[in-house]
PDB file of N, CA and C in Angstrom:
ATOM      1  N   MET A   1     -21.017  16.068  -7.300  1.00  0.00           N
ATOM      2  CA  MET A   1     -19.762  16.566  -7.484  1.00  0.00           C
ATOM      3  C   MET A   1     -19.316  16.218  -8.980  1.00  0.00           C
ATOM      4  N   LYS A   2     -18.925  17.042  -9.675  1.00  0.00           N
ATOM      5  CA  LYS A   2     -18.246  16.804 -10.900  1.00  0.00           C
ATOM      6  C   LYS A   2     -16.724  15.586 -10.804  1.00  0.00           C
ATOM      7  N   SER A   3     -16.587  15.056 -11.566  1.00  0.00           N
ATOM      8  CA  SER A   3     -14.915  14.343 -11.520  1.00  0.00           C
ATOM      9  C   SER A   3     -13.945  15.189 -11.510  1.00  0.00           C
ATOM     10  N   ARG A   4     -14.251  16.452 -12.439  1.00  0.00           N
ATOM     11  CA  ARG A   4     -13.373  17.631 -12.287  1.00  0.00           C
ATOM     12  C   ARG A   4     -13.219  17.707 -11.251  1.00  0.00           C
ATOM     13  N   ASP A   5     -13.861  18.091 -10.074  1.00  0.00           N
ATOM     14  CA  ASP A   5     -13.528  18.559  -8.767  1.00  0.00           C
ATOM     15  C   ASP A   5     -12.686  17.966  -7.555  1.00  0.00           C
ATOM     16  N   LEU A   6     -13.429  16.878  -8.081  1.00  0.00           N
ATOM     17  CA  LEU A   6     -12.554  15.556  -7.176  1.00  0.00           C
ATOM     18  C   LEU A   6     -11.151  15.576  -7.485  1.00  0.00           C
ATOM     19  N   ILE A   7     -10.659  15.594  -9.113  1.00  0.00           N
ATOM     20  CA  ILE A   7      -9.299  15.245  -9.222  1.00  0.00           C
ATOM     21  C   ILE A   7      -8.615  16.800  -8.790  1.00  0.00           C
ATOM     22  N   ARG A   8      -9.007  17.797  -8.763  1.00  0.00           N
ATOM     23  CA  ARG A   8      -8.636  18.854  -8.011  1.00  0.00           C
ATOM     24  C   ARG A   8      -8.029  18.611  -6.691  1.00  0.00           C
ATOM     25  N   ASP A   9      -9.153  17.913  -5.854  1.00  0.00           N
ATOM     26  CA  ASP A   9      -9.185  17.694  -4.434  1.00  0.00           C
ATOM     27  C   ASP A   9      -7.662  17.408  -4.305  1.00  0.00           C
ATOM     28  N   LEU A  10      -7.983  15.615  -5.103  1.00  0.00           N
ATOM     29  CA  LEU A  10      -7.093  14.873  -4.773  1.00  0.00           C
ATOM     30  C   LEU A  10      -5.574  15.402  -5.384  1.00  0.00           C
ATOM     31  N   GLU A  11      -5.256  16.038  -6.461  1.00  0.00           N
ATOM     32  CA  GLU A  11      -4.169  16.864  -6.726  1.00  0.00           C
ATOM     33  C   GLU A  11      -3.435  18.071  -5.479  1.00  0.00           C
ATOM     34  N   ALA A  12      -4.464  18.336  -4.795  1.00  0.00           N
ATOM     35  CA  ALA A  12      -4.417  19.176  -3.795  1.00  0.00           C
ATOM     36  C   ALA A  12      -3.600  18.676  -2.852  1.00  0.00           C
ATOM     37  N   ALA A  13      -4.083  17.342  -2.109  1.00  0.00           N
ATOM     38  CA  ALA A  13      -3.557  16.475  -1.088  1.00  0.00           C
ATOM     39  C   ALA A  13      -2.525  15.540  -1.647  1.00  0.00           C
ATOM     40  N   ASP A  14      -1.567  16.133  -2.918  1.00  0.00           N
ATOM     41  CA  ASP A  14      -0.569  15.647  -3.257  1.00  0.00           C
ATOM     42  C   ASP A  14      -0.577  14.171  -3.948  1.00  0.00           C
ATOM     43  N   TRP A  15      -1.832  13.998  -4.360  1.00  0.00           N
ATOM     44  CA  TRP A  15      -2.096  12.417  -5.331  1.00  0.00           C
ATOM     45  C   TRP A  15      -1.834  12.935  -6.279  1.00  0.00           C
ATOM     46  N   THR A  16      -1.109  12.158  -7.102  1.00  0.00           N
ATOM     47  CA  THR A  16      -0.595  12.243  -8.849  1.00  0.00           C
ATOM     48  C   THR A  16      -1.011  11.389  -9.698  1.00  0.00           C
ATOM     49  N   CYS A  17      -1.467  11.536 -10.708  1.00  0.00           N
ATOM     50  CA  CYS A  17      -2.189  10.767 -11.789  1.00  0.00           C
ATOM     51  C   CYS A  17      -0.824  10.033 -12.410  1.00  0.00           C
ATOM     52  N   ARG A  18      -1.227   8.887 -12.093  1.00  0.00           N
ATOM     53  CA  ARG A  18      -0.039   7.533 -12.850  1.00  0.00           C
ATOM     54  C   ARG A  18      -0.422   7.528 -14.191  1.00  0.00           C
ATOM     55  N   ARG A  19      -1.610   7.240 -14.272  1.00  0.00           N
ATOM     56  CA  ARG A  19      -2.126   6.661 -15.764  1.00  0.00           C
ATOM     57  C   ARG A  19      -3.463   7.342 -16.142  1.00  0.00           C
ATOM     58  N   ILE A  20      -3.532   7.125 -17.340  1.00  0.00           N
ATOM     59  CA  ILE A  20      -4.817   7.274 -18.118  1.00  0.00           C
ATOM     60  C   ILE A  20      -5.541   6.342 -18.602  1.00  0.00           C
ATOM     61  N   ARG A  21      -6.142   5.294 -18.325  1.00  0.00           N
ATOM     62  CA  ARG A  21      -6.945   4.534 -19.376  1.00  0.00           C
ATOM     63  C   ARG A  21      -8.110   4.430 -19.467  1.00  0.00           C
ATOM     64  N   GLY A  22      -8.415   5.129 -21.064  1.00  0.00           N
ATOM     65  CA  GLY A  22      -9.907   5.336 -21.636  1.00  0.00           C
ATOM     66  C   GLY A  22      -9.991   6.612 -20.615  1.00  0.00           C
ATOM     67  N   SER A  23     -11.205   6.376 -19.758  1.00  0.00           N
ATOM     68  CA  SER A  23     -12.090   7.639 -19.257  1.00  0.00           C
ATOM     69  C   SER A  23     -11.823   7.526 -17.780  1.00  0.00           C
ATOM     70  N   HIS A  24     -10.728   6.533 -17.281  1.00  0.00           N
ATOM     71  CA  HIS A  24     -10.388   6.461 -16.078  1.00  0.00           C
ATOM     72  C   HIS A  24      -8.997   6.934 -15.620  1.00  0.00           C
ATOM     73  N   HIS A  25      -8.717   7.602 -14.664  1.00  0.00           N
ATOM     74  CA  HIS A  25      -7.549   8.535 -14.188  1.00  0.00           C
ATOM     75  C   HIS A  25      -7.416   7.389 -12.961  1.00  0.00           C
ATOM     76  N   VAL A  26      -5.745   7.109 -13.035  1.00  0.00           N
ATOM     77  CA  VAL A  26      -5.519   6.648 -11.819  1.00  0.00           C
ATOM     78  C   VAL A  26      -4.506   7.359 -10.988  1.00  0.00           C
ATOM     79  N   PHE A  27      -4.836   7.377  -9.843  1.00  0.00           N
ATOM     80  CA  PHE A  27      -4.088   8.387  -8.731  1.00  0.00           C
ATOM     81  C   PHE A  27      -3.058   7.374  -8.035  1.00  0.00           C
ATOM     82  N   VAL A  28      -2.291   7.862  -7.561  1.00  0.00           N
ATOM     83  CA  VAL A  28      -1.287   7.245  -6.017  1.00  0.00           C
ATOM     84  C   VAL A  28      -0.698   8.276  -5.403  1.00  0.00           C
ATOM     85  N   HIS A  29      -0.587   7.695  -4.393  1.00  0.00           N
ATOM     86  CA  HIS A  29       0.036   8.837  -3.212  1.00  0.00           C
ATOM     87  C   HIS A  29       1.421   8.258  -2.842  1.00  0.00           C
ATOM     88  N   PRO A  30       2.111   9.023  -2.660  1.00  0.00           N
ATOM     89  CA  PRO A  30       3.810   8.521  -1.622  1.00  0.00           C
ATOM     90  C   PRO A  30       3.569   7.684  -0.155  1.00  0.00           C
ATOM     91  N   GLN A  31       2.588   8.058   0.172  1.00  0.00           N
ATOM     92  CA  GLN A  31       2.463   7.952   1.804  1.00  0.00           C
ATOM     93  C   GLN A  31       1.075   6.836   1.833  1.00  0.00           C
ATOM     94  N   HIS A  32       0.483   6.262   0.849  1.00  0.00           N
ATOM     95  CA  HIS A  32      -0.736   6.084   1.266  1.00  0.00           C
ATOM     96  C   HIS A  32      -0.536   4.554   0.641  1.00  0.00           C
ATOM     97  N   PRO A  33      -1.063   3.486   0.449  1.00  0.00           N
ATOM     98  CA  PRO A  33      -0.882   2.198  -0.062  1.00  0.00           C
ATOM     99  C   PRO A  33      -2.191   2.107  -1.556  1.00  0.00           C
ATOM    100  N   HIS A  34      -3.159   3.396  -1.167  1.00  0.00           N
ATOM    101  CA  HIS A  34      -4.156   2.951  -2.018  1.00  0.00           C
ATOM    102  C   HIS A  34      -4.055   3.415  -3.509  1.00  0.00           C
ATOM    103  N   ILE A  35      -4.588   2.923  -4.296  1.00  0.00           N
ATOM    104  CA  ILE A  35      -5.124   3.667  -5.582  1.00  0.00           C
ATOM    105  C   ILE A  35      -6.227   3.582  -5.688  1.00  0.00           C
ATOM    106  N   ILE A  36      -6.708   5.061  -6.013  1.00  0.00           N
ATOM    107  CA  ILE A  36      -7.789   5.688  -6.330  1.00  0.00           C
ATOM    108  C   ILE A  36      -8.339   5.956  -8.268  1.00  0.00           C
ATOM    109  N   THR A  37      -9.120   5.413  -8.242  1.00  0.00           N
ATOM    110  CA  THR A  37      -9.474   5.416 -10.118  1.00  0.00           C
ATOM    111  C   THR A  37     -10.995   6.312  -9.978  1.00  0.00           C
ATOM    112  N   VAL A  38     -10.768   7.344 -10.726  1.00  0.00           N
ATOM    113  CA  VAL A  38     -11.542   8.303 -10.829  1.00  0.00           C
ATOM    114  C   VAL A  38     -12.448   8.190 -12.587  1.00  0.00           C
ATOM    115  N   PRO A  39     -13.782   8.142 -12.604  1.00  0.00           N
ATOM    116  CA  PRO A  39     -13.955   8.108 -14.000  1.00  0.00           C
ATOM    117  C   PRO A  39     -14.107   9.642 -14.715  1.00  0.00           C
ATOM    118  N   HIS A  40     -13.729   9.629 -15.793  1.00  0.00           N
ATOM    119  CA  HIS A  40     -13.671  10.967 -16.055  1.00  0.00           C
ATOM    120  C   HIS A  40     -13.231  11.655 -17.745  1.00  0.00           C
ATOM    121  N   PRO A  41     -14.288  12.154 -18.343  1.00  0.00           N
ATOM    122  CA  PRO A  41     -14.888  13.322 -17.825  1.00  0.00           C
ATOM    123  C   PRO A  41     -16.467  13.002 -17.274  1.00  0.00           C
ATOM    124  N   ARG A  42     -16.940  13.142 -16.553  1.00  0.00           N
ATOM    125  CA  ARG A  42     -18.545  12.890 -16.270  1.00  0.00           C
ATOM    126  C   ARG A  42     -18.589  14.380 -15.222  1.00  0.00           C
ATOM    127  N   LYS A  43     -20.280  14.738 -15.604  1.00  0.00           N
ATOM    128  CA  LYS A  43     -20.573  15.735 -15.165  1.00  0.00           C
ATOM    129  C   LYS A  43     -20.929  15.231 -13.539  1.00  0.00           C
ATOM    130  N   ASP A  44     -21.463  14.663 -13.084  1.00  0.00           N
ATOM    131  CA  ASP A  44     -21.815  14.368 -11.803  1.00  0.00           C
ATOM    132  C   ASP A  44     -21.452  12.621 -11.386  1.00  0.00           C
ATOM    133  N   LEU A  45     -20.657  12.678 -10.423  1.00  0.00           N
ATOM    134  CA  LEU A  45     -20.360  11.064  -9.851  1.00  0.00           C
ATOM    135  C   LEU A  45     -21.691  10.790  -8.809  1.00  0.00           C
ATOM    136  N   GLY A  46     -21.739  10.009  -8.703  1.00  0.00           N
ATOM    137  CA  GLY A  46     -22.789   9.517  -7.183  1.00  0.00           C
ATOM    138  C   GLY A  46     -22.034   9.981  -6.123  1.00  0.00           C
ATOM    139  N   LYS A  47     -22.912  10.134  -4.984  1.00  0.00           N
ATOM    140  CA  LYS A  47     -22.654  10.652  -3.877  1.00  0.00           C
ATOM    141  C   LYS A  47     -21.873   9.493  -3.015  1.00  0.00           C
ATOM    142  N   GLY A  48     -22.372   8.244  -3.161  1.00  0.00           N
ATOM    143  CA  GLY A  48     -21.789   7.087  -2.265  1.00  0.00           C
ATOM    144  C   GLY A  48     -20.282   7.249  -2.851  1.00  0.00           C
ATOM    145  N   LEU A  49     -20.385   7.185  -4.209  1.00  0.00           N
ATOM    146  CA  LEU A  49     -18.878   6.678  -4.782  1.00  0.00           C
ATOM    147  C   LEU A  49     -17.908   8.308  -4.347  1.00  0.00           C
ATOM    148  N   VAL A  50     -18.282   9.232  -4.661  1.00  0.00           N
ATOM    149  CA  VAL A  50     -17.732  10.941  -3.967  1.00  0.00           C
ATOM    150  C   VAL A  50     -17.374   9.762  -2.768  1.00  0.00           C
ATOM    151  N   GLN A  51     -18.090   9.916  -1.627  1.00  0.00           N
ATOM    152  CA  GLN A  51     -17.729   9.537  -0.441  1.00  0.00           C
ATOM    153  C   GLN A  51     -16.558   8.587  -0.524  1.00  0.00           C
ATOM    154  N   ALA A  52     -16.742   7.349  -0.802  1.00  0.00           N
ATOM    155  CA  ALA A  52     -15.906   6.249  -0.878  1.00  0.00           C
ATOM    156  C   ALA A  52     -14.846   6.817  -1.007  1.00  0.00           C
ATOM    157  N   LEU A  53     -14.361   7.483  -2.347  1.00  0.00           N
ATOM    158  CA  LEU A  53     -13.010   7.790  -2.850  1.00  0.00           C
ATOM    159  C   LEU A  53     -12.214   8.960  -1.972  1.00  0.00           C
ATOM    160  N   ARG A  54     -13.468   9.679  -1.661  1.00  0.00           N
ATOM    161  CA  ARG A  54     -12.813  10.674  -0.421  1.00  0.00           C
ATOM    162  C   ARG A  54     -12.135   9.929   1.074  1.00  0.00           C
ATOM    163  N   LYS A  55     -12.954   9.064   1.592  1.00  0.00           N
ATOM    164  CA  LYS A  55     -12.464   8.475   2.747  1.00  0.00           C
ATOM    165  C   LYS A  55     -11.280   7.766   2.128  1.00  0.00           C
ATOM    166  N   LEU A  56     -11.381   6.900   1.053  1.00  0.00           N
ATOM    167  CA  LEU A  56     -10.082   6.188   0.822  1.00  0.00           C
ATOM    168  C   LEU A  56      -8.786   6.854   0.778  1.00  0.00           C
ATOM    169  N   ALA A  57      -8.963   8.035  -0.069  1.00  0.00           N
ATOM    170  CA  ALA A  57      -7.997   9.167  -0.079  1.00  0.00           C
ATOM    171  C   ALA A  57      -7.579   9.979   1.039  1.00  0.00           C
ATOM    172  N   GLY A  58      -8.512   9.587   2.135  1.00  0.00           N
ATOM    173  CA  GLY A  58      -7.860  10.516   3.354  1.00  0.00           C
ATOM    174  C   GLY A  58      -8.545  11.929   3.182  1.00  0.00           C
ATOM    175  N   LEU A  59      -9.499  12.441   2.534  1.00  0.00           N
ATOM    176  CA  LEU A  59     -10.099  13.817   2.442  1.00  0.00           C
ATOM    177  C   LEU A  59     -10.931  13.999   3.210  1.00  0.00           C
ATOM    178  N   THR A  60     -11.590  13.137   4.109  1.00  0.00           N
ATOM    179  CA  THR A  60     -12.549  13.330   5.078  1.00  0.00           C
ATOM    180  C   THR A  60     -12.263  13.799   6.247  1.00  0.00           C
TER     181      THR A  60
END
């Protein structure tokens, strides 16, 4: 999965980009205590990384 697709999924689930530090986008959600950091731009993220980020964000 491309990082751009994961970012679109997060934004569709009301996650907002709090800040960008270098090539990392940091997302927060008003109802979740977690912070999600997505490396961007990157063509393909690892399968395990995508699964872990989606689980942490509650997208699974």
